[in-house]
Protein backbone atom coordinates (compact mmCIF):
# COMPACT_ATOMS: atom_id res chain seq x y z
CA MET A 1 69.79 162.23 56.08
CA ASN A 2 68.26 165.38 57.47
CA GLU A 3 70.61 168.05 58.81
CA ASN A 4 69.39 171.16 60.52
CA LEU A 5 71.70 173.95 59.41
CA THR A 6 71.22 177.35 60.91
CA GLY A 7 72.31 180.52 59.19
CA PRO A 8 73.38 183.80 60.70
CA SER A 9 71.17 185.14 63.42
CA GLU A 10 68.75 187.95 62.74
CA ALA A 11 70.75 190.10 65.15
CA LEU A 12 73.96 189.55 63.17
CA ILE A 13 72.23 190.35 59.88
CA SER A 14 70.75 193.51 61.39
CA ALA A 15 74.12 194.57 62.84
CA PHE A 16 75.86 193.90 59.53
CA GLN A 17 73.26 195.97 57.62
CA LYS A 18 73.73 198.84 60.07
CA PHE A 19 77.51 198.58 59.64
CA ILE A 20 77.22 198.74 55.85
CA GLN A 21 74.78 201.67 55.92
CA ASP A 22 76.48 203.77 58.59
CA ASP A 23 79.93 202.72 59.69
CA ALA A 24 81.51 201.53 56.41
CA LEU A 25 81.11 204.91 54.70
CA ARG A 26 82.47 206.71 57.77
CA ILE A 27 85.54 204.49 57.66
CA VAL A 28 86.07 205.28 53.97
CA GLU A 29 85.58 208.99 54.68
CA THR A 30 88.00 209.08 57.63
CA GLU A 31 90.71 207.05 55.92
CA ALA A 32 90.50 209.16 52.73
CA LEU A 33 90.60 212.50 54.56
CA ASN A 34 93.58 211.38 56.67
CA HIS A 35 95.42 209.98 53.65
CA PHE A 36 95.01 213.13 51.55
CA GLN A 37 95.81 215.51 54.42
CA ASN A 38 98.97 213.50 55.10
CA SER A 39 100.21 214.52 51.64
CA PHE A 40 100.97 217.90 53.20
CA VAL A 41 102.78 216.31 56.15
CA TYR A 42 104.88 214.05 53.89
CA GLN A 43 105.23 216.77 51.20
CA GLY A 44 104.24 214.29 48.50
CA PHE A 45 101.50 211.94 47.31
CA THR A 46 101.27 208.25 48.12
CA ASP A 47 99.77 205.93 45.52
CA LYS A 48 101.88 202.76 45.58
CA ASN A 49 104.77 204.70 47.13
CA LEU A 50 105.39 208.25 48.29
CA VAL A 51 106.31 210.57 45.41
CA LYS A 52 107.82 213.74 46.89
CA TRP A 53 106.83 217.10 45.44
CA PRO A 54 109.35 219.10 43.41
CA ALA A 55 111.09 221.80 45.45
CA ARG A 56 110.39 225.49 45.04
CA LYS A 57 112.51 227.13 42.39
CA ILE A 58 114.50 230.18 43.36
CA PRO A 59 113.22 233.08 41.27
CA ARG A 60 115.80 234.55 38.93
CA ARG A 61 113.85 237.54 37.63
CA LYS A 62 111.18 239.90 38.90
CA ASN A 63 109.59 242.57 36.71
CA GLY A 64 112.21 241.82 34.06
CA LYS A 65 115.12 242.46 36.42
CA GLN A 66 117.49 239.85 37.74
CA ILE A 67 117.02 239.14 41.44
CA THR A 68 120.25 239.41 43.43
CA GLY A 69 121.64 240.56 46.73
CA LYS A 70 119.32 241.38 49.60
CA THR A 71 116.15 240.65 47.61
CA LEU A 72 117.34 237.13 46.84
CA GLU A 73 118.53 236.58 50.42
CA LYS A 74 115.15 237.80 51.73
CA TRP A 75 113.34 235.34 49.45
CA LYS A 76 115.60 232.49 50.58
CA ALA A 77 115.10 233.33 54.25
CA LYS A 78 111.33 233.41 53.77
CA ASN A 79 111.01 230.25 51.66
CA GLU A 80 113.86 227.79 52.16
CA GLY A 81 112.79 224.96 54.39
CA ARG A 82 109.16 226.09 54.37
CA ALA A 83 106.66 223.35 53.53
CA LEU A 84 105.11 223.41 50.08
CA LEU A 85 101.42 224.26 49.61
CA ILE A 86 101.29 225.60 53.16
CA SER A 87 100.73 229.29 53.81
CA HIS A 88 103.25 231.46 55.60
CA ALA A 89 102.89 231.41 59.38
CA SER A 90 102.00 235.10 59.22
CA ASP A 91 99.13 234.47 56.78
CA THR A 92 95.87 235.21 58.60
CA LYS A 93 93.62 234.15 55.72
CA GLY A 94 93.83 230.49 56.70
CA THR A 95 94.57 229.35 53.18
CA HIS A 96 96.17 226.03 54.03
CA MET A 97 95.05 223.72 51.27
CA ALA A 98 95.16 220.70 53.61
CA ASN A 99 92.49 222.35 55.76
CA SER A 100 90.25 222.84 52.73
CA ILE A 101 89.86 219.10 52.11
CA THR A 102 86.39 218.04 53.23
CA SER A 103 83.91 215.30 52.44
CA GLU A 104 80.29 214.91 51.44
CA LEU A 105 78.35 211.78 52.33
CA ALA A 106 75.45 210.49 50.25
CA PRO A 107 73.77 207.09 50.31
CA GLY A 108 76.44 204.60 49.25
CA LYS A 109 78.96 207.29 48.34
CA VAL A 110 81.70 209.48 49.82
CA THR A 111 82.91 212.48 47.82
CA ILE A 112 86.13 214.26 48.78
CA VAL A 113 86.05 217.99 48.04
CA VAL A 114 88.76 220.66 47.95
CA ASP A 115 87.26 224.14 47.98
CA LYS A 116 90.28 226.11 46.76
CA PRO A 117 89.92 227.31 43.16
CA TYR A 118 93.64 226.78 42.50
CA ALA A 119 93.76 223.23 43.92
CA GLN A 120 93.52 221.49 40.54
CA VAL A 121 96.36 223.60 39.12
CA HIS A 122 98.66 222.33 41.88
CA ASN A 123 97.33 218.77 41.94
CA ASP A 124 97.58 218.24 38.17
CA GLY A 125 100.45 220.59 37.29
CA LEU A 126 98.47 222.83 34.95
CA ARG A 127 98.94 226.21 33.32
CA ALA A 128 98.81 228.93 35.95
CA GLY A 129 98.01 232.63 35.74
CA ARG A 130 101.64 233.61 36.10
CA PRO A 131 104.03 234.67 33.32
CA PRO A 132 102.98 233.50 29.85
CA GLY A 133 103.85 229.87 29.32
CA PHE A 134 104.29 229.12 33.03
CA THR A 135 103.07 225.69 34.07
CA MET A 136 102.80 224.92 37.77
CA PRO A 137 104.86 221.87 38.76
CA GLN A 138 102.60 218.98 39.68
CA ARG A 139 102.28 218.56 43.42
CA GLN A 140 99.58 215.93 43.66
CA PHE A 141 97.89 215.64 47.04
CA ILE A 142 94.62 213.91 46.13
CA GLY A 143 93.60 211.15 43.74
CA PRO A 144 93.41 207.38 43.34
CA SER A 145 95.79 205.55 45.66
CA GLU A 146 96.58 201.86 46.13
CA LYS A 147 97.83 202.54 49.68
CA LEU A 148 94.54 204.25 50.55
CA GLU A 149 92.55 201.33 49.16
CA GLN A 150 94.68 198.94 51.24
CA LYS A 151 94.11 201.03 54.39
CA ILE A 152 90.34 201.08 53.81
CA GLN A 153 90.20 197.33 53.12
CA THR A 154 92.26 196.52 56.22
CA LYS A 155 90.09 198.75 58.43
CA LEU A 156 86.83 197.35 57.03
CA GLU A 157 88.02 193.76 57.50
CA LYS A 158 89.07 194.51 61.08
CA GLU A 159 85.69 196.06 61.90
CA ILE A 160 83.78 193.19 60.25
CA ASP A 161 85.83 190.67 62.23
CA LYS A 162 84.98 192.51 65.46
CA LEU A 163 81.30 192.53 64.48
CA ILE A 164 81.27 188.77 63.76
CA LYS A 165 83.06 187.97 67.04
CA LYS A 166 80.25 189.68 68.97
CA PHE A 167 77.83 187.03 67.73
């Protein structure tokens, strides 16, 4: 018995190679940037589930003196309800950490970069340059995430299905 089986067409193979070289990394890049920037929208990090960031603590002391009265009320008015890790609306320096998340593409690799020197302190909850012994509460916004991996896989599968249907 002699069967003539034909494999994928040259055009499909070429299109698939182009997809892997160009489009697949762009999908990973876009999904990762959106996922990590959404941490600031959701005020928490999503790995398997969303883990909300701890709220700001109301300061009790400043320069060794207890904060009360108008000073405390001023702090509350300025900070209560304001999103975490987002600059004040009046801040003209443009220090929003979400806006500092960028990417670098290299052959076969996407690297996500945050260019703020204090980003790791917030992301990991590390010792900060504040009063002795002060540790910043962890407010993770970037890192490994099952939800992100699922989003990337779903998007890649969808795009591969569209590519196959063309041929």
